[in-house]
C-alpha atoms as a PDB file:
ATOM      1  CA  MET A   1      81.441 118.020 160.855  1.00  0.00           C
ATOM      2  CA  PRO A   2      84.678 116.014 161.386  1.00  0.00           C
ATOM      3  CA  THR A   3      87.985 117.903 160.928  1.00  0.00           C
ATOM      4  CA  PHE A   4      91.344 116.720 160.027  1.00  0.00           C
ATOM      5  CA  GLN A   5      93.825 116.846 162.708  1.00  0.00           C
ATOM      6  CA  GLY A   6      97.405 115.932 161.723  1.00  0.00           C
ATOM      7  CA  LEU A   7      99.924 114.440 164.141  1.00  0.00           C
ATOM      8  CA  ASP A   8     103.011 116.584 165.395  1.00  0.00           C
ATOM      9  CA  PRO A   9     106.211 115.895 163.642  1.00  0.00           C
ATOM     10  CA  GLU A  10     107.816 114.391 166.763  1.00  0.00           C
ATOM     11  CA  THR A  11     105.205 111.759 167.003  1.00  0.00           C
ATOM     12  CA  ILE A  12     105.444 110.993 163.364  1.00  0.00           C
ATOM     13  CA  ARG A  13     109.363 110.555 163.655  1.00  0.00           C
ATOM     14  CA  LYS A  14     108.908 108.019 166.598  1.00  0.00           C
ATOM     15  CA  LEU A  15     106.373 106.110 164.658  1.00  0.00           C
ATOM     16  CA  LEU A  16     108.670 105.927 161.444  1.00  0.00           C
ATOM     17  CA  GLU A  17     111.741 105.101 163.535  1.00  0.00           C
ATOM     18  CA  GLY A  18     113.197 101.837 162.412  1.00  0.00           C
ATOM     19  CA  GLN A  19     110.947 101.549 159.424  1.00  0.00           C
ATOM     20  CA  GLU A  20     112.122 100.825 156.001  1.00  0.00           C
ATOM     21  CA  ASP A  21     112.133 104.058 153.737  1.00  0.00           C
ATOM     22  CA  VAL A  22     109.927 102.834 150.666  1.00  0.00           C
ATOM     23  CA  LEU A  23     109.227 106.430 149.392  1.00  0.00           C
ATOM     24  CA  THR A  24     112.484 107.853 148.622  1.00  0.00           C
ATOM     25  CA  PRO A  25     113.509 105.033 146.150  1.00  0.00           C
ATOM     26  CA  GLN A  26     110.079 105.315 144.307  1.00  0.00           C
ATOM     27  CA  ILE A  27     110.382 109.162 144.220  1.00  0.00           C
ATOM     28  CA  ARG A  28     113.946 108.808 142.475  1.00  0.00           C
ATOM     29  CA  LYS A  29     112.752 106.556 140.041  1.00  0.00           C
ATOM     30  CA  GLU A  30     109.692 108.426 139.090  1.00  0.00           C
ATOM     31  CA  GLN A  31     111.956 111.572 138.902  1.00  0.00           C
ATOM     32  CA  ALA A  32     114.413 109.853 136.661  1.00  0.00           C
ATOM     33  CA  TYR A  33     111.587 108.670 134.270  1.00  0.00           C
ATOM     34  CA  PHE A  34     110.201 112.263 134.167  1.00  0.00           C
ATOM     35  CA  ARG A  35     113.458 113.707 133.281  1.00  0.00           C
ATOM     36  CA  ALA A  36     113.795 111.362 130.187  1.00  0.00           C
ATOM     37  CA  LEU A  37     110.398 112.398 128.811  1.00  0.00           C
ATOM     38  CA  PRO A  38     110.191 115.198 126.217  1.00  0.00           C
ATOM     39  CA  CYS A  39     107.112 117.333 125.788  1.00  0.00           C
ATOM     40  CA  PRO A  40     104.837 115.825 123.083  1.00  0.00           C
ATOM     41  CA  VAL A  41     104.239 119.094 121.403  1.00  0.00           C
ATOM     42  CA  CYS A  42     107.713 120.955 121.259  1.00  0.00           C
ATOM     43  CA  ARG A  43     110.009 118.044 122.256  1.00  0.00           C
ATOM     44  CA  ASN A  44     111.620 120.117 125.063  1.00  0.00           C
ATOM     45  CA  GLN A  45     113.301 118.019 127.723  1.00  0.00           C
ATOM     46  CA  ALA A  46     112.560 120.509 130.590  1.00  0.00           C
ATOM     47  CA  THR A  47     109.395 119.821 132.397  1.00  0.00           C
ATOM     48  CA  THR A  48     107.979 120.514 135.881  1.00  0.00           C
ATOM     49  CA  SER A  49     105.693 118.166 137.520  1.00  0.00           C
ATOM     50  CA  LEU A  50     102.495 118.874 139.541  1.00  0.00           C
ATOM     51  CA  ILE A  51      99.927 116.788 141.522  1.00  0.00           C
ATOM     52  CA  ASP A  52      96.896 115.963 139.442  1.00  0.00           C
ATOM     53  CA  GLY A  53      94.227 117.930 140.968  1.00  0.00           C
ATOM     54  CA  ALA A  54      91.402 116.001 139.368  1.00  0.00           C
ATOM     55  CA  ARG A  55      92.888 112.601 140.474  1.00  0.00           C
ATOM     56  CA  PRO A  56      95.480 113.035 143.343  1.00  0.00           C
ATOM     57  CA  PHE A  57      95.726 109.418 144.258  1.00  0.00           C
ATOM     58  CA  SER A  58      95.228 105.970 142.628  1.00  0.00           C
ATOM     59  CA  PRO A  59      94.261 102.916 144.778  1.00  0.00           C
ATOM     60  CA  GLY A  60      97.402 100.952 145.670  1.00  0.00           C
ATOM     61  CA  ALA A  61      99.821 103.746 144.593  1.00  0.00           C
ATOM     62  CA  ILE A  62     102.375 105.036 147.156  1.00  0.00           C
ATOM     63  CA  LEU A  63     102.889 108.403 145.313  1.00  0.00           C
ATOM     64  CA  PRO A  64     100.396 110.851 144.013  1.00  0.00           C
ATOM     65  CA  ASN A  65      99.435 111.035 140.524  1.00  0.00           C
ATOM     66  CA  ARG A  66     101.339 113.619 138.718  1.00  0.00           C
ATOM     67  CA  VAL A  67     101.151 115.584 135.307  1.00  0.00           C
ATOM     68  CA  LEU A  68     104.114 117.295 133.646  1.00  0.00           C
ATOM     69  CA  VAL A  69     104.066 120.849 132.348  1.00  0.00           C
ATOM     70  CA  CYS A  70     106.576 121.864 129.606  1.00  0.00           C
ATOM     71  CA  THR A  71     108.781 124.716 130.782  1.00  0.00           C
ATOM     72  CA  ARG A  72     108.760 126.198 127.164  1.00  0.00           C
ATOM     73  CA  CYS A  73     105.398 125.830 125.779  1.00  0.00           C
ATOM     74  CA  GLU A  74     103.484 125.123 128.972  1.00  0.00           C
ATOM     75  CA  THR A  75     101.839 122.210 127.484  1.00  0.00           C
ATOM     76  CA  GLU A  76     100.253 119.743 130.264  1.00  0.00           C
ATOM     77  CA  PHE A  77     100.473 116.178 129.649  1.00  0.00           C
ATOM     78  CA  ASP A  78     100.124 112.781 131.332  1.00  0.00           C
ATOM     79  CA  PRO A  79     103.645 111.289 131.682  1.00  0.00           C
ATOM     80  CA  TYR A  80     102.500 107.742 131.527  1.00  0.00           C
ATOM     81  CA  THR A  81      99.947 107.921 128.643  1.00  0.00           C
ATOM     82  CA  GLY A  82     101.368 110.886 126.742  1.00  0.00           C
ATOM     83  CA  LEU A  83      97.735 112.290 126.586  1.00  0.00           C
ATOM     84  CA  VAL A  84      97.981 116.036 126.089  1.00  0.00           C
ATOM     85  CA  ARG A  85      95.654 117.639 128.696  1.00  0.00           C
ATOM     86  CA  LYS A  86      96.189 121.445 127.969  1.00  0.00           C
ATOM     87  CA  VAL A  87      98.038 123.433 125.339  1.00  0.00           C
ATOM     88  CA  ILE A  88      98.688 126.990 126.240  1.00  0.00           C
ATOM     89  CA  SER A  89     101.169 128.294 123.631  1.00  0.00           C
ATOM     90  CA  GLU A  90     100.096 128.044 120.012  1.00  0.00           C
ATOM     91  CA  SER A  91     103.597 129.236 118.861  1.00  0.00           C
ATOM     92  CA  VAL A  92     106.411 126.787 119.844  1.00  0.00           C
END
């Protein structure tokens, strides 16, 4: 059975030397978008993001798929569709 063998960090640095950083601007844009989204249940502005374990990547996307979790009521929702995936707390 094949196993994954990662590259050592120094090799990665050498391969990326002189290349344009395309990830950082996308990450900052996504983080700003997430900060502006309120929880669909309690309208709290504070959320944390997690990688969507069921669908970690989409074809053609450079960032992993994420879900947001409200820090107040622990509701888990899709930040792009607003679909509530899990409600933990019944009292908000």
